[in-house]
Amino acid sequence: MQHAGGSPLPPHQQGRGPHAAWASAAHHPGAQQGPAPVPPPPPGYPATGAGPMPPSGPVPPSGPVPPSAPVPPSGPVPPSAPVPPSGPVPPSAPVPPSGPLPPAQPPAPRHAPGPPPPDTTGHLPLPPGGLVGVPAAPPASAPAPDPAATTLAVLLIGPAGAGKTSVAKYWADHRRVPTAHISLDDVREWVRSGFADPQSGWNDHSEAQYRLARRTCGFAARNFLANGISCILDDAVFPDRPVVGLGGWKRHVGPGLLPVVLLPGLDVVLERNAERSGNRRLTDEEVARIHGRMAGWYGSGLPIVDNSQLDVPGTARVLDEVIARAMASPPSW
């Protein structure tokens, strides 16, 4: 054991340990420093410093240790019995040649991958491409198709004030199968800020919004038809712009779309336009100009209904008759 400085500790001396010196100084302050008194030994033990202890008595010598008994020598180990030689090993029975092994079957997957999920909306899958095909003409012996109970798509065309929206809503409300009404004017007015008002004139901005609304209507029509819901759309399509008008509807909905033109007289159109309000009401000059352009549908091959003398229910009944003829003999457009 060493001090913290590394020098060895002095050997311990009896009566001179640190406890002895500190105890004497603590109980007798100012007393002379010296060895601590040694307490007397207990009785029967020699006192310390009383001189040498007397020698004990002589220890008698122990007797001789008797020798251990001799271990008798062991005899020779008898040889083990000889192992008789075994006889010849009989040949094993020949293994008959097996036939050709069947080809190994690949392990069946734990979870067979199923077909990819179809693109669905609601509960019925959408058809690839989504365009409505041209309805096939029924056989000659088949009864005439019932337009009120058939899933189809109709495009109602006409000038402002022709009654397109009113007739389309009534016709959709009174069919025996689910039918939706899609108005292009309503979809165009989804644009609130920055709406291209048709009263401000036709420009690139208004035409871009018109094209966007038509694509939206076409997608909605295909979506309804894919889920078994008929639809009727209405728009003021001009015959002198086939690519922008009728051709665009054909591209977005499909060749199975059935177009029908509502074209009442100019006086009826002006009267109905005067009952409108907001941006749906046009000037008389604009109404007359649009009505004159719509006259180009005569001779186009499309069915035309003059509803000047018909109310909304009467026009809807005529529309059913026209659609039935168009389903029996689809127009080429």
C-alpha atoms as a PDB file:
ATOM      1  CA  MET A   1       0.000   0.000   0.000  1.00  0.00           C
ATOM      2  CA  GLN A   2       1.312   3.459  -0.872  1.00  0.00           C
ATOM      3  CA  HIS A   3       0.570   7.108  -0.123  1.00  0.00           C
ATOM      4  CA  ALA A   4      -0.959   9.287  -2.723  1.00  0.00           C
ATOM      5  CA  GLY A   5       2.538  10.613  -3.461  1.00  0.00           C
ATOM      6  CA  GLY A   6       3.830   7.096  -4.217  1.00  0.00           C
ATOM      7  CA  SER A   7       6.085   6.489  -1.089  1.00  0.00           C
ATOM      8  CA  PRO A   8       5.475   3.262   0.892  1.00  0.00           C
ATOM      9  CA  LEU A   9       3.690   3.423   4.202  1.00  0.00           C
ATOM     10  CA  PRO A  10       5.814   2.682   7.327  1.00  0.00           C
ATOM     11  CA  PRO A  11       5.284  -0.740   8.981  1.00  0.00           C
ATOM     12  CA  HIS A  12       2.662  -0.867  11.679  1.00  0.00           C
ATOM     13  CA  GLN A  13       3.985  -1.018  15.332  1.00  0.00           C
ATOM     14  CA  GLN A  14       1.992  -2.244  18.257  1.00  0.00           C
ATOM     15  CA  GLY A  15       0.733   0.613  20.412  1.00  0.00           C
ATOM     16  CA  ARG A  16       1.857   3.222  17.881  1.00  0.00           C
ATOM     17  CA  GLY A  17      -0.995   3.105  15.382  1.00  0.00           C
ATOM     18  CA  PRO A  18      -2.849   6.208  14.499  1.00  0.00           C
ATOM     19  CA  HIS A  19      -5.797   5.309  16.701  1.00  0.00           C
ATOM     20  CA  ALA A  20      -3.653   4.944  19.824  1.00  0.00           C
ATOM     21  CA  ALA A  21      -1.939   8.296  19.451  1.00  0.00           C
ATOM     22  CA  TRP A  22      -5.180  10.183  18.507  1.00  0.00           C
ATOM     23  CA  ALA A  23      -7.099   8.597  21.453  1.00  0.00           C
ATOM     24  CA  SER A  24      -4.440   9.608  24.061  1.00  0.00           C
ATOM     25  CA  ALA A  25      -4.266  13.139  22.811  1.00  0.00           C
ATOM     26  CA  ALA A  26      -8.012  13.490  22.664  1.00  0.00           C
ATOM     27  CA  HIS A  27      -8.701  12.378  26.319  1.00  0.00           C
ATOM     28  CA  HIS A  28      -5.686  14.043  27.998  1.00  0.00           C
ATOM     29  CA  PRO A  29      -4.984  17.383  26.403  1.00  0.00           C
ATOM     30  CA  GLY A  30      -1.560  18.681  27.248  1.00  0.00           C
ATOM     31  CA  ALA A  31      -0.367  15.264  28.613  1.00  0.00           C
ATOM     32  CA  GLN A  32       3.024  13.954  27.665  1.00  0.00           C
ATOM     33  CA  GLN A  33       3.038  12.046  24.462  1.00  0.00           C
ATOM     34  CA  GLY A  34       4.225   8.435  24.853  1.00  0.00           C
ATOM     35  CA  PRO A  35       3.298   4.870  24.328  1.00  0.00           C
ATOM     36  CA  ALA A  36      -0.274   4.025  25.277  1.00  0.00           C
ATOM     37  CA  PRO A  37      -0.663   1.823  28.434  1.00  0.00           C
ATOM     38  CA  VAL A  38      -1.158  -1.859  27.724  1.00  0.00           C
ATOM     39  CA  PRO A  39      -4.230  -3.353  29.475  1.00  0.00           C
ATOM     40  CA  PRO A  40      -3.612  -6.395  31.702  1.00  0.00           C
ATOM     41  CA  PRO A  41      -4.125  -9.764  30.075  1.00  0.00           C
ATOM     42  CA  PRO A  42      -7.084 -11.865  31.124  1.00  0.00           C
ATOM     43  CA  PRO A  43      -6.463 -14.557  33.762  1.00  0.00           C
ATOM     44  CA  GLY A  44      -4.741 -17.663  32.502  1.00  0.00           C
ATOM     45  CA  TYR A  45      -2.748 -15.743  29.853  1.00  0.00           C
ATOM     46  CA  PRO A  46       0.833 -14.562  30.398  1.00  0.00           C
ATOM     47  CA  ALA A  47       1.237 -10.843  30.738  1.00  0.00           C
ATOM     48  CA  THR A  48       2.948  -8.962  27.956  1.00  0.00           C
ATOM     49  CA  GLY A  49       6.545  -8.202  28.776  1.00  0.00           C
ATOM     50  CA  ALA A  50       6.536 -10.704  31.755  1.00  0.00           C
ATOM     51  CA  GLY A  51       9.510 -12.593  30.375  1.00  0.00           C
ATOM     52  CA  PRO A  52       9.850 -15.802  28.360  1.00  0.00           C
ATOM     53  CA  MET A  53       7.131 -18.397  28.642  1.00  0.00           C
ATOM     54  CA  PRO A  54       8.166 -21.647  30.435  1.00  0.00           C
ATOM     55  CA  PRO A  55       8.833 -24.555  28.074  1.00  0.00           C
ATOM     56  CA  SER A  56       6.033 -27.023  27.693  1.00  0.00           C
ATOM     57  CA  GLY A  57       6.512 -30.734  28.590  1.00  0.00           C
ATOM     58  CA  PRO A  58       8.246 -33.203  26.223  1.00  0.00           C
ATOM     59  CA  VAL A  59       6.104 -34.619  23.436  1.00  0.00           C
ATOM     60  CA  PRO A  60       6.276 -38.441  23.505  1.00  0.00           C
ATOM     61  CA  PRO A  61       7.469 -39.948  20.251  1.00  0.00           C
ATOM     62  CA  SER A  62       4.806 -41.607  18.148  1.00  0.00           C
ATOM     63  CA  GLY A  63       5.106 -45.325  17.357  1.00  0.00           C
ATOM     64  CA  PRO A  64       6.176 -46.767  14.020  1.00  0.00           C
ATOM     65  CA  VAL A  65       3.554 -46.707  11.278  1.00  0.00           C
ATOM     66  CA  PRO A  66       2.617 -50.307  10.394  1.00  0.00           C
ATOM     67  CA  PRO A  67       3.235 -51.185   6.754  1.00  0.00           C
ATOM     68  CA  SER A  68       0.177 -51.457   4.550  1.00  0.00           C
ATOM     69  CA  ALA A  69      -0.906 -54.892   3.273  1.00  0.00           C
ATOM     70  CA  PRO A  70       0.761 -55.929   0.003  1.00  0.00           C
ATOM     71  CA  VAL A  71      -1.439 -55.791  -3.087  1.00  0.00           C
ATOM     72  CA  PRO A  72      -1.512 -59.299  -4.718  1.00  0.00           C
ATOM     73  CA  PRO A  73      -0.392 -59.299  -8.325  1.00  0.00           C
ATOM     74  CA  SER A  74      -3.238 -59.651 -10.773  1.00  0.00           C
ATOM     75  CA  GLY A  75      -3.261 -62.650 -13.104  1.00  0.00           C
ATOM     76  CA  PRO A  76      -3.136 -62.561 -16.862  1.00  0.00           C
ATOM     77  CA  VAL A  77      -6.234 -61.222 -18.593  1.00  0.00           C
ATOM     78  CA  PRO A  78      -8.008 -64.131 -20.305  1.00  0.00           C
ATOM     79  CA  PRO A  79      -8.348 -63.695 -24.018  1.00  0.00           C
ATOM     80  CA  SER A  80     -11.794 -62.777 -25.288  1.00  0.00           C
ATOM     81  CA  ALA A  81     -13.789 -65.361 -27.209  1.00  0.00           C
ATOM     82  CA  PRO A  82     -13.109 -65.351 -30.957  1.00  0.00           C
ATOM     83  CA  VAL A  83     -15.845 -63.810 -33.098  1.00  0.00           C
ATOM     84  CA  PRO A  84     -17.087 -66.379 -35.634  1.00  0.00           C
ATOM     85  CA  PRO A  85     -16.679 -65.204 -39.218  1.00  0.00           C
ATOM     86  CA  SER A  86     -19.933 -64.058 -40.719  1.00  0.00           C
ATOM     87  CA  GLY A  87     -21.255 -65.714 -43.882  1.00  0.00           C
ATOM     88  CA  PRO A  88     -21.515 -64.036 -47.258  1.00  0.00           C
ATOM     89  CA  VAL A  89     -24.035 -61.207 -47.420  1.00  0.00           C
ATOM     90  CA  PRO A  90     -26.972 -62.310 -49.603  1.00  0.00           C
ATOM     91  CA  PRO A  91     -27.491 -60.056 -52.579  1.00  0.00           C
ATOM     92  CA  SER A  92     -30.431 -57.654 -52.249  1.00  0.00           C
ATOM     93  CA  ALA A  93     -33.449 -58.078 -54.461  1.00  0.00           C
ATOM     94  CA  PRO A  94     -33.132 -56.226 -57.748  1.00  0.00           C
ATOM     95  CA  VAL A  95     -35.133 -52.998 -57.919  1.00  0.00           C
ATOM     96  CA  PRO A  96     -37.538 -53.055 -60.872  1.00  0.00           C
ATOM     97  CA  PRO A  97     -36.899 -50.208 -63.291  1.00  0.00           C
ATOM     98  CA  SER A  98     -39.429 -47.411 -62.812  1.00  0.00           C
ATOM     99  CA  GLY A  99     -41.204 -45.701 -65.688  1.00  0.00           C
ATOM    100  CA  PRO A 100     -40.494 -42.155 -66.801  1.00  0.00           C
ATOM    101  CA  LEU A 101     -41.082 -39.690 -64.026  1.00  0.00           C
ATOM    102  CA  PRO A 102     -44.000 -37.262 -64.632  1.00  0.00           C
ATOM    103  CA  PRO A 103     -42.929 -33.694 -65.139  1.00  0.00           C
ATOM    104  CA  ALA A 104     -42.773 -31.757 -61.913  1.00  0.00           C
ATOM    105  CA  GLN A 105     -45.719 -29.462 -61.431  1.00  0.00           C
ATOM    106  CA  PRO A 106     -44.845 -25.916 -60.437  1.00  0.00           C
ATOM    107  CA  PRO A 107     -46.039 -25.107 -56.951  1.00  0.00           C
ATOM    108  CA  ALA A 108     -49.314 -23.283 -56.904  1.00  0.00           C
ATOM    109  CA  PRO A 109     -48.970 -19.758 -55.673  1.00  0.00           C
ATOM    110  CA  ARG A 110     -50.410 -19.141 -52.252  1.00  0.00           C
ATOM    111  CA  HIS A 111     -52.438 -16.213 -53.554  1.00  0.00           C
ATOM    112  CA  ALA A 112     -53.179 -16.391 -57.245  1.00  0.00           C
ATOM    113  CA  PRO A 113     -53.008 -12.878 -58.702  1.00  0.00           C
ATOM    114  CA  GLY A 114     -56.404 -11.733 -59.859  1.00  0.00           C
ATOM    115  CA  PRO A 115     -57.158  -9.574 -62.882  1.00  0.00           C
ATOM    116  CA  PRO A 116     -56.372  -5.879 -62.501  1.00  0.00           C
ATOM    117  CA  PRO A 117     -59.320  -3.908 -61.157  1.00  0.00           C
ATOM    118  CA  PRO A 118     -61.248  -2.171 -63.944  1.00  0.00           C
ATOM    119  CA  ASP A 119     -61.676   1.550 -64.052  1.00  0.00           C
ATOM    120  CA  THR A 120     -64.987   1.918 -62.275  1.00  0.00           C
ATOM    121  CA  THR A 121     -67.252   4.704 -61.243  1.00  0.00           C
ATOM    122  CA  GLY A 122     -70.021   3.746 -58.875  1.00  0.00           C
ATOM    123  CA  HIS A 123     -70.668   0.016 -59.271  1.00  0.00           C
ATOM    124  CA  LEU A 124     -70.317  -0.651 -63.026  1.00  0.00           C
ATOM    125  CA  PRO A 125     -67.058  -0.681 -65.031  1.00  0.00           C
ATOM    126  CA  LEU A 126     -66.490   2.038 -67.579  1.00  0.00           C
ATOM    127  CA  PRO A 127     -66.198   0.765 -71.156  1.00  0.00           C
ATOM    128  CA  PRO A 128     -62.765   1.094 -72.812  1.00  0.00           C
ATOM    129  CA  GLY A 129     -62.603   4.388 -74.637  1.00  0.00           C
ATOM    130  CA  GLY A 130     -66.018   5.312 -73.314  1.00  0.00           C
ATOM    131  CA  LEU A 131     -67.510   6.419 -76.676  1.00  0.00           C
ATOM    132  CA  VAL A 132     -71.132   5.509 -77.387  1.00  0.00           C
ATOM    133  CA  GLY A 133     -71.463   3.270 -80.420  1.00  0.00           C
ATOM    134  CA  VAL A 134     -74.058   3.620 -83.167  1.00  0.00           C
ATOM    135  CA  PRO A 135     -77.170   1.603 -82.203  1.00  0.00           C
ATOM    136  CA  ALA A 136     -77.666  -1.390 -84.472  1.00  0.00           C
ATOM    137  CA  ALA A 137     -80.816  -1.418 -86.549  1.00  0.00           C
ATOM    138  CA  PRO A 138     -83.278  -4.046 -85.231  1.00  0.00           C
ATOM    139  CA  PRO A 139     -84.351  -6.905 -87.494  1.00  0.00           C
ATOM    140  CA  ALA A 140     -87.360  -6.336 -89.732  1.00  0.00           C
ATOM    141  CA  SER A 141     -89.458  -8.793 -87.717  1.00  0.00           C
ATOM    142  CA  ALA A 142     -88.566  -7.188 -84.376  1.00  0.00           C
ATOM    143  CA  PRO A 143     -90.958  -4.706 -82.804  1.00  0.00           C
ATOM    144  CA  ALA A 144     -90.082  -1.033 -82.851  1.00  0.00           C
ATOM    145  CA  PRO A 145     -87.799  -0.061 -79.948  1.00  0.00           C
ATOM    146  CA  ASP A 146     -89.348   1.837 -77.073  1.00  0.00           C
ATOM    147  CA  PRO A 147     -87.319   5.043 -76.577  1.00  0.00           C
ATOM    148  CA  ALA A 148     -88.856   5.557 -73.120  1.00  0.00           C
ATOM    149  CA  ALA A 149     -87.341   2.295 -71.824  1.00  0.00           C
ATOM    150  CA  THR A 150     -83.971   2.248 -73.634  1.00  0.00           C
ATOM    151  CA  THR A 151     -80.638   3.546 -72.363  1.00  0.00           C
ATOM    152  CA  LEU A 152     -79.471   6.127 -74.899  1.00  0.00           C
ATOM    153  CA  ALA A 153     -77.917   9.576 -75.365  1.00  0.00           C
ATOM    154  CA  VAL A 154     -79.757  12.440 -77.103  1.00  0.00           C
ATOM    155  CA  LEU A 155     -78.403  15.842 -78.156  1.00  0.00           C
ATOM    156  CA  LEU A 156     -81.102  18.514 -78.359  1.00  0.00           C
ATOM    157  CA  ILE A 157     -80.056  21.376 -80.682  1.00  0.00           C
ATOM    158  CA  GLY A 158     -81.744  24.732 -81.156  1.00  0.00           C
ATOM    159  CA  PRO A 159     -81.405  28.517 -80.970  1.00  0.00           C
ATOM    160  CA  ALA A 160     -81.816  30.523 -77.799  1.00  0.00           C
ATOM    161  CA  GLY A 161     -85.526  30.496 -76.885  1.00  0.00           C
ATOM    162  CA  ALA A 162     -86.312  27.233 -78.703  1.00  0.00           C
ATOM    163  CA  GLY A 163     -87.237  25.518 -75.419  1.00  0.00           C
ATOM    164  CA  LYS A 164     -84.320  23.091 -75.365  1.00  0.00           C
ATOM    165  CA  THR A 165     -83.738  23.141 -71.606  1.00  0.00           C
ATOM    166  CA  SER A 166     -87.427  22.940 -70.674  1.00  0.00           C
ATOM    167  CA  VAL A 167     -88.132  20.049 -73.059  1.00  0.00           C
ATOM    168  CA  ALA A 168     -84.970  18.176 -72.031  1.00  0.00           C
ATOM    169  CA  LYS A 169     -85.844  18.393 -68.316  1.00  0.00           C
ATOM    170  CA  TYR A 170     -89.433  17.250 -68.903  1.00  0.00           C
ATOM    171  CA  TRP A 171     -88.363  14.385 -71.158  1.00  0.00           C
ATOM    172  CA  ALA A 172     -85.780  13.188 -68.595  1.00  0.00           C
ATOM    173  CA  ASP A 173     -88.315  13.417 -65.746  1.00  0.00           C
ATOM    174  CA  HIS A 174     -90.939  11.227 -67.471  1.00  0.00           C
ATOM    175  CA  ARG A 175     -88.911   8.303 -68.762  1.00  0.00           C
ATOM    176  CA  ARG A 176     -89.235   4.773 -67.316  1.00  0.00           C
ATOM    177  CA  VAL A 177     -85.464   4.342 -67.002  1.00  0.00           C
ATOM    178  CA  PRO A 178     -82.951   6.524 -65.104  1.00  0.00           C
ATOM    179  CA  THR A 179     -82.148   9.584 -67.223  1.00  0.00           C
ATOM    180  CA  ALA A 180     -79.896  12.603 -66.589  1.00  0.00           C
ATOM    181  CA  HIS A 181     -80.113  16.071 -68.107  1.00  0.00           C
ATOM    182  CA  ILE A 182     -76.830  17.822 -68.984  1.00  0.00           C
ATOM    183  CA  SER A 183     -77.033  21.455 -70.064  1.00  0.00           C
ATOM    184  CA  LEU A 184     -73.944  22.993 -71.649  1.00  0.00           C
ATOM    185  CA  ASP A 185     -74.984  26.488 -70.538  1.00  0.00           C
ATOM    186  CA  ASP A 186     -75.172  25.303 -66.919  1.00  0.00           C
ATOM    187  CA  VAL A 187     -71.711  23.731 -67.142  1.00  0.00           C
ATOM    188  CA  ARG A 188     -70.247  26.867 -68.708  1.00  0.00           C
ATOM    189  CA  GLU A 189     -71.556  28.911 -65.790  1.00  0.00           C
ATOM    190  CA  TRP A 190     -69.561  26.761 -63.345  1.00  0.00           C
ATOM    191  CA  VAL A 191     -66.829  29.302 -64.076  1.00  0.00           C
ATOM    192  CA  ARG A 192     -67.575  32.141 -61.681  1.00  0.00           C
ATOM    193  CA  SER A 193     -64.607  34.512 -61.783  1.00  0.00           C
ATOM    194  CA  GLY A 194     -63.543  35.197 -65.356  1.00  0.00           C
ATOM    195  CA  PHE A 195     -66.705  33.821 -66.955  1.00  0.00           C
ATOM    196  CA  ALA A 196     -66.809  34.581 -70.690  1.00  0.00           C
ATOM    197  CA  ASP A 197     -70.274  36.105 -71.018  1.00  0.00           C
ATOM    198  CA  PRO A 198     -71.770  35.392 -74.474  1.00  0.00           C
ATOM    199  CA  GLN A 199     -73.383  38.864 -74.430  1.00  0.00           C
ATOM    200  CA  SER A 200     -69.874  40.341 -74.631  1.00  0.00           C
ATOM    201  CA  GLY A 201     -69.276  38.719 -78.014  1.00  0.00           C
ATOM    202  CA  TRP A 202     -67.597  35.549 -79.222  1.00  0.00           C
ATOM    203  CA  ASN A 203     -63.799  35.562 -78.887  1.00  0.00           C
ATOM    204  CA  ASP A 204     -60.945  33.180 -78.147  1.00  0.00           C
ATOM    205  CA  HIS A 205     -61.683  33.335 -74.414  1.00  0.00           C
ATOM    206  CA  SER A 206     -65.351  32.418 -74.785  1.00  0.00           C
ATOM    207  CA  GLU A 207     -64.589  29.675 -77.315  1.00  0.00           C
ATOM    208  CA  ALA A 208     -61.991  28.108 -74.978  1.00  0.00           C
ATOM    209  CA  GLN A 209     -64.547  27.959 -72.167  1.00  0.00           C
ATOM    210  CA  TYR A 210     -67.130  26.523 -74.545  1.00  0.00           C
ATOM    211  CA  ARG A 211     -64.786  23.736 -75.637  1.00  0.00           C
ATOM    212  CA  LEU A 212     -63.913  22.965 -72.026  1.00  0.00           C
ATOM    213  CA  ALA A 213     -67.597  22.799 -71.063  1.00  0.00           C
ATOM    214  CA  ARG A 214     -68.370  20.514 -73.999  1.00  0.00           C
ATOM    215  CA  ARG A 215     -65.583  18.090 -73.026  1.00  0.00           C
ATOM    216  CA  THR A 216     -66.912  18.082 -69.459  1.00  0.00           C
ATOM    217  CA  CYS A 217     -70.439  17.332 -70.683  1.00  0.00           C
ATOM    218  CA  GLY A 218     -69.142  14.557 -72.919  1.00  0.00           C
ATOM    219  CA  PHE A 219     -67.295  12.905 -70.046  1.00  0.00           C
ATOM    220  CA  ALA A 220     -70.378  13.157 -67.836  1.00  0.00           C
ATOM    221  CA  ALA A 221     -72.555  11.592 -70.548  1.00  0.00           C
ATOM    222  CA  ARG A 222     -70.195   8.637 -71.033  1.00  0.00           C
ATOM    223  CA  ASN A 223     -69.986   8.162 -67.278  1.00  0.00           C
ATOM    224  CA  PHE A 224     -73.778   8.094 -66.925  1.00  0.00           C
ATOM    225  CA  LEU A 225     -74.209   5.700 -69.855  1.00  0.00           C
ATOM    226  CA  ALA A 226     -71.539   3.338 -68.516  1.00  0.00           C
ATOM    227  CA  ASN A 227     -73.589   3.042 -65.337  1.00  0.00           C
ATOM    228  CA  GLY A 228     -76.873   2.389 -67.133  1.00  0.00           C
ATOM    229  CA  ILE A 229     -78.225   5.958 -66.987  1.00  0.00           C
ATOM    230  CA  SER A 230     -79.501   7.630 -70.136  1.00  0.00           C
ATOM    231  CA  CYS A 231     -78.769  11.295 -70.729  1.00  0.00           C
ATOM    232  CA  ILE A 232     -80.060  14.175 -72.813  1.00  0.00           C
ATOM    233  CA  LEU A 233     -77.801  17.134 -73.589  1.00  0.00           C
ATOM    234  CA  ASP A 234     -78.769  20.529 -75.002  1.00  0.00           C
ATOM    235  CA  ASP A 235     -76.635  23.046 -76.877  1.00  0.00           C
ATOM    236  CA  ALA A 236     -76.982  25.738 -79.526  1.00  0.00           C
ATOM    237  CA  VAL A 237     -74.926  23.965 -82.203  1.00  0.00           C
ATOM    238  CA  PHE A 238     -74.458  25.838 -85.486  1.00  0.00           C
ATOM    239  CA  PRO A 239     -74.537  23.875 -88.752  1.00  0.00           C
ATOM    240  CA  ASP A 240     -71.914  26.099 -90.369  1.00  0.00           C
ATOM    241  CA  ARG A 241     -69.281  25.076 -87.793  1.00  0.00           C
ATOM    242  CA  PRO A 242     -69.379  21.271 -87.949  1.00  0.00           C
ATOM    243  CA  VAL A 243     -65.899  20.714 -86.498  1.00  0.00           C
ATOM    244  CA  VAL A 244     -66.484  22.915 -83.459  1.00  0.00           C
ATOM    245  CA  GLY A 245     -70.168  22.015 -82.999  1.00  0.00           C
ATOM    246  CA  LEU A 246     -71.623  18.652 -83.982  1.00  0.00           C
ATOM    247  CA  GLY A 247     -68.259  17.079 -84.736  1.00  0.00           C
ATOM    248  CA  GLY A 248     -67.017  17.979 -81.265  1.00  0.00           C
ATOM    249  CA  TRP A 249     -70.007  16.315 -79.611  1.00  0.00           C
ATOM    250  CA  LYS A 250     -69.471  13.230 -81.735  1.00  0.00           C
ATOM    251  CA  ARG A 251     -65.833  13.051 -80.625  1.00  0.00           C
ATOM    252  CA  HIS A 252     -66.591  13.500 -76.919  1.00  0.00           C
ATOM    253  CA  VAL A 253     -69.723  11.339 -76.596  1.00  0.00           C
ATOM    254  CA  GLY A 254     -69.538   8.940 -79.544  1.00  0.00           C
ATOM    255  CA  PRO A 255     -71.219   8.161 -82.858  1.00  0.00           C
ATOM    256  CA  GLY A 256     -74.203   6.650 -80.990  1.00  0.00           C
ATOM    257  CA  LEU A 257     -75.327  10.110 -79.892  1.00  0.00           C
ATOM    258  CA  LEU A 258     -78.742  10.922 -81.419  1.00  0.00           C
ATOM    259  CA  PRO A 259     -79.049  14.622 -82.450  1.00  0.00           C
ATOM    260  CA  VAL A 260     -82.475  16.252 -82.760  1.00  0.00           C
ATOM    261  CA  VAL A 261     -83.096  19.896 -83.758  1.00  0.00           C
ATOM    262  CA  LEU A 262     -85.799  22.064 -82.170  1.00  0.00           C
ATOM    263  CA  LEU A 263     -86.557  24.970 -84.521  1.00  0.00           C
ATOM    264  CA  PRO A 264     -89.694  27.023 -83.864  1.00  0.00           C
ATOM    265  CA  GLY A 265     -90.540  30.231 -85.734  1.00  0.00           C
ATOM    266  CA  LEU A 266     -88.621  33.469 -85.119  1.00  0.00           C
ATOM    267  CA  ASP A 267     -91.569  35.195 -83.431  1.00  0.00           C
ATOM    268  CA  VAL A 268     -91.866  32.375 -80.884  1.00  0.00           C
ATOM    269  CA  VAL A 269     -88.131  32.499 -80.174  1.00  0.00           C
ATOM    270  CA  LEU A 270     -88.204  36.272 -79.639  1.00  0.00           C
ATOM    271  CA  GLU A 271     -91.150  35.978 -77.266  1.00  0.00           C
ATOM    272  CA  ARG A 272     -89.472  33.281 -75.164  1.00  0.00           C
ATOM    273  CA  ASN A 273     -86.193  35.192 -75.064  1.00  0.00           C
ATOM    274  CA  ALA A 274     -88.000  38.258 -73.688  1.00  0.00           C
ATOM    275  CA  GLU A 275     -89.083  36.208 -70.658  1.00  0.00           C
ATOM    276  CA  ARG A 276     -85.477  35.469 -69.716  1.00  0.00           C
ATOM    277  CA  SER A 277     -83.256  37.380 -67.302  1.00  0.00           C
ATOM    278  CA  GLY A 278     -79.549  37.702 -66.535  1.00  0.00           C
ATOM    279  CA  ASN A 279     -76.924  36.579 -69.001  1.00  0.00           C
ATOM    280  CA  ARG A 280     -79.350  34.070 -70.535  1.00  0.00           C
ATOM    281  CA  ARG A 281     -81.296  36.904 -72.174  1.00  0.00           C
ATOM    282  CA  LEU A 282     -79.895  38.111 -75.498  1.00  0.00           C
ATOM    283  CA  THR A 283     -80.705  41.108 -77.616  1.00  0.00           C
ATOM    284  CA  ASP A 284     -83.361  40.706 -80.306  1.00  0.00           C
ATOM    285  CA  GLU A 285     -80.747  41.270 -82.991  1.00  0.00           C
ATOM    286  CA  GLU A 286     -78.559  38.464 -81.605  1.00  0.00           C
ATOM    287  CA  VAL A 287     -81.546  36.115 -81.349  1.00  0.00           C
ATOM    288  CA  ALA A 288     -82.532  36.828 -84.955  1.00  0.00           C
ATOM    289  CA  ARG A 289     -78.981  36.268 -86.157  1.00  0.00           C
ATOM    290  CA  ILE A 290     -78.685  32.918 -84.333  1.00  0.00           C
ATOM    291  CA  HIS A 291     -82.098  31.774 -85.614  1.00  0.00           C
ATOM    292  CA  GLY A 292     -81.073  32.558 -89.169  1.00  0.00           C
ATOM    293  CA  ARG A 293     -77.940  30.476 -88.855  1.00  0.00           C
ATOM    294  CA  MET A 294     -79.942  27.549 -87.404  1.00  0.00           C
ATOM    295  CA  ALA A 295     -81.975  27.382 -90.633  1.00  0.00           C
ATOM    296  CA  GLY A 296     -78.951  25.666 -92.141  1.00  0.00           C
ATOM    297  CA  TRP A 297     -80.025  22.410 -90.456  1.00  0.00           C
ATOM    298  CA  TYR A 298     -82.751  21.986 -93.064  1.00  0.00           C
ATOM    299  CA  GLY A 299     -81.477  19.538 -95.625  1.00  0.00           C
ATOM    300  CA  SER A 300     -78.747  18.198 -93.268  1.00  0.00           C
ATOM    301  CA  GLY A 301     -80.472  14.846 -92.690  1.00  0.00           C
ATOM    302  CA  LEU A 302     -80.982  15.449 -88.994  1.00  0.00           C
ATOM    303  CA  PRO A 303     -84.559  15.192 -87.604  1.00  0.00           C
ATOM    304  CA  ILE A 304     -86.122  18.643 -87.030  1.00  0.00           C
ATOM    305  CA  VAL A 305     -89.088  19.393 -84.782  1.00  0.00           C
ATOM    306  CA  ASP A 306     -91.014  22.637 -85.269  1.00  0.00           C
ATOM    307  CA  ASN A 307     -92.506  23.163 -81.820  1.00  0.00           C
ATOM    308  CA  SER A 308     -94.023  26.551 -82.522  1.00  0.00           C
ATOM    309  CA  GLN A 309     -97.550  25.255 -81.717  1.00  0.00           C
ATOM    310  CA  LEU A 310     -96.542  22.657 -79.110  1.00  0.00           C
ATOM    311  CA  ASP A 311     -96.235  22.948 -75.373  1.00  0.00           C
ATOM    312  CA  VAL A 312     -93.502  21.176 -73.401  1.00  0.00           C
ATOM    313  CA  PRO A 313     -95.328  17.823 -72.897  1.00  0.00           C
ATOM    314  CA  GLY A 314     -96.433  17.767 -76.545  1.00  0.00           C
ATOM    315  CA  THR A 315     -92.882  18.452 -77.710  1.00  0.00           C
ATOM    316  CA  ALA A 316     -91.608  15.635 -75.466  1.00  0.00           C
ATOM    317  CA  ARG A 317     -94.063  13.172 -77.070  1.00  0.00           C
ATOM    318  CA  VAL A 318     -92.927  14.176 -80.562  1.00  0.00           C
ATOM    319  CA  LEU A 319     -89.334  13.799 -79.396  1.00  0.00           C
ATOM    320  CA  ASP A 320     -90.037  10.186 -78.402  1.00  0.00           C
ATOM    321  CA  GLU A 321     -91.413   9.460 -81.890  1.00  0.00           C
ATOM    322  CA  VAL A 322     -88.411  11.042 -83.579  1.00  0.00           C
ATOM    323  CA  ILE A 323     -85.987   9.099 -81.362  1.00  0.00           C
ATOM    324  CA  ALA A 324     -87.797   5.828 -82.105  1.00  0.00           C
ATOM    325  CA  ARG A 325     -87.343   6.399 -85.842  1.00  0.00           C
ATOM    326  CA  ALA A 326     -83.693   7.370 -85.321  1.00  0.00           C
ATOM    327  CA  MET A 327     -83.067   4.178 -83.326  1.00  0.00           C
ATOM    328  CA  ALA A 328     -84.619   2.079 -86.085  1.00  0.00           C
ATOM    329  CA  SER A 329     -82.616   3.876 -88.760  1.00  0.00           C
ATOM    330  CA  PRO A 330     -79.681   5.830 -87.222  1.00  0.00           C
ATOM    331  CA  PRO A 331     -78.899   9.045 -89.088  1.00  0.00           C
ATOM    332  CA  SER A 332     -75.532   9.404 -90.785  1.00  0.00           C
ATOM    333  CA  TRP A 333     -73.906  12.525 -89.420  1.00  0.00           C
END
